[in-house]
């Protein structure tokens, strides 16, 4: 059995830390919010709400066009979602997230 290459051994802790910063901390905060009864967090974490989300949608709709907790903003309003998804800020943020900044003609890096 071969031992891992030295570069790979160094990258593993770095990738774990990067994953925790990108996903682990947020997930634990969302789980905590769901345990406290936060509707948006429950919609993310509760399997029962995935089976029948419509009562939660109605509760969210009753709160107004945009509802937010400490981490997540949510809306079930078509006009709001349409505006957010078509906004230039949303497009630039998505491009920055998927582009490493080294591609030809890149303006996001």
Protein backbone atom coordinates (compact mmCIF):
# COMPACT_ATOMS: atom_id res chain seq x y z
CA UNK A 1 0.00 0.00 0.00
CA UNK A 2 1.44 3.34 -1.07
CA UNK A 3 1.49 6.32 1.22
CA UNK A 4 -0.20 9.49 -0.02
CA UNK A 5 1.88 12.03 -1.84
CA UNK A 6 3.03 14.93 0.38
CA UNK A 7 1.06 17.53 -1.62
CA UNK A 8 -2.13 15.49 -1.26
CA UNK A 9 -1.64 15.16 2.50
CA UNK A 10 -1.38 18.95 2.81
CA UNK A 11 -4.44 19.58 0.60
CA UNK A 12 -6.76 17.36 2.65
CA UNK A 13 -6.91 19.60 5.75
CA UNK A 14 -7.14 22.68 3.56
CA UNK A 15 -10.04 21.22 1.57
CA UNK A 16 -11.80 20.17 4.80
CA UNK A 17 -11.50 23.70 6.19
CA UNK A 18 -12.74 25.15 2.89
CA UNK A 19 -15.72 22.76 2.93
CA UNK A 20 -16.55 23.62 6.54
CA UNK A 21 -16.47 27.33 5.79
CA UNK A 22 -18.55 26.93 2.64
CA UNK A 23 -21.10 24.37 3.86
CA UNK A 24 -20.65 22.95 7.34
CA UNK A 25 -21.11 26.09 9.41
CA UNK A 26 -24.17 27.22 7.43
CA UNK A 27 -25.73 23.77 7.65
CA UNK A 28 -25.30 23.63 11.42
CA UNK A 29 -26.84 27.11 11.77
CA UNK A 30 -29.78 26.12 9.55
CA UNK A 31 -30.27 22.93 11.62
CA UNK A 32 -30.26 25.02 14.79
CA UNK A 33 -32.85 27.39 13.31
CA UNK A 34 -35.04 24.44 12.31
CA UNK A 35 -34.88 23.06 15.85
CA UNK A 36 -35.99 26.47 17.14
CA UNK A 37 -38.94 26.43 14.73
CA UNK A 38 -37.77 28.93 12.09
CA UNK A 39 -39.96 28.36 9.04
CA UNK A 40 -37.30 28.97 6.37
CA UNK A 41 -34.82 26.67 8.12
CA UNK A 42 -37.51 24.01 8.52
CA UNK A 43 -38.27 24.23 4.80
CA UNK A 44 -34.62 23.40 4.10
CA UNK A 45 -34.18 20.65 6.68
CA UNK A 46 -37.56 19.00 7.40
CA UNK A 47 -38.26 15.97 5.16
CA UNK A 48 -42.00 16.25 5.90
CA UNK A 49 -42.06 19.73 4.39
CA UNK A 50 -40.39 18.36 1.26
CA UNK A 51 -43.25 15.88 0.87
CA UNK A 52 -45.97 18.54 1.33
CA UNK A 53 -44.49 22.06 1.22
CA UNK A 54 -47.73 23.89 0.37
CA UNK A 55 -48.81 24.80 3.95
CA UNK A 56 -45.32 26.25 4.51
CA UNK A 57 -45.58 28.17 1.23
CA UNK A 58 -48.86 29.69 2.39
CA UNK A 59 -47.33 30.66 5.73
CA UNK A 60 -44.39 32.23 3.92
CA UNK A 61 -46.74 34.05 1.52
CA UNK A 62 -48.67 35.47 4.49
CA UNK A 63 -45.46 37.07 5.81
CA UNK A 64 -45.10 39.29 2.75
CA UNK A 65 -43.16 39.33 -0.51
CA UNK A 66 -39.78 38.54 1.14
CA UNK A 67 -39.14 36.75 4.40
CA UNK A 68 -35.69 36.33 5.94
CA UNK A 69 -33.87 34.78 8.85
CA UNK A 70 -30.22 35.33 9.80
CA UNK A 71 -28.87 33.34 6.83
CA UNK A 72 -31.54 32.96 4.17
CA UNK A 73 -33.99 35.20 2.38
CA UNK A 74 -36.97 33.45 0.82
CA UNK A 75 -39.91 34.42 -1.33
CA UNK A 76 -42.86 32.66 -2.93
CA UNK A 77 -43.81 35.81 -4.84
CA UNK A 78 -43.30 35.34 -8.58
CA UNK A 79 -42.48 38.99 -9.27
CA UNK A 80 -39.80 39.09 -6.55
CA UNK A 81 -38.20 35.81 -7.67
CA UNK A 82 -38.27 36.89 -11.30
CA UNK A 83 -36.59 40.21 -10.48
CA UNK A 84 -33.90 38.59 -8.34
CA UNK A 85 -33.07 35.85 -10.82
CA UNK A 86 -32.86 38.29 -13.74
CA UNK A 87 -30.89 40.98 -11.93
CA UNK A 88 -27.34 41.76 -13.01
CA UNK A 89 -26.08 41.29 -9.43
CA UNK A 90 -27.40 37.73 -9.36
CA UNK A 91 -25.79 36.89 -12.70
CA UNK A 92 -22.42 38.34 -11.66
CA UNK A 93 -22.48 36.48 -8.32
CA UNK A 94 -23.25 33.17 -10.06
CA UNK A 95 -20.47 33.74 -12.59
CA UNK A 96 -17.96 34.54 -9.84
CA UNK A 97 -18.91 31.39 -7.96
CA UNK A 98 -18.42 29.12 -10.98
CA UNK A 99 -15.41 30.82 -12.58
CA UNK A 100 -11.94 30.46 -11.11
CA UNK A 101 -11.00 33.84 -12.64
CA UNK A 102 -8.37 32.44 -14.97
CA UNK A 103 -10.42 31.81 -18.09
CA UNK A 104 -9.93 33.78 -21.30
CA UNK A 105 -11.90 37.02 -21.32
CA UNK A 106 -12.95 36.59 -17.71
CA UNK A 107 -14.37 39.71 -16.08
CA UNK A 108 -15.42 38.06 -12.82
CA UNK A 109 -12.05 37.28 -11.25
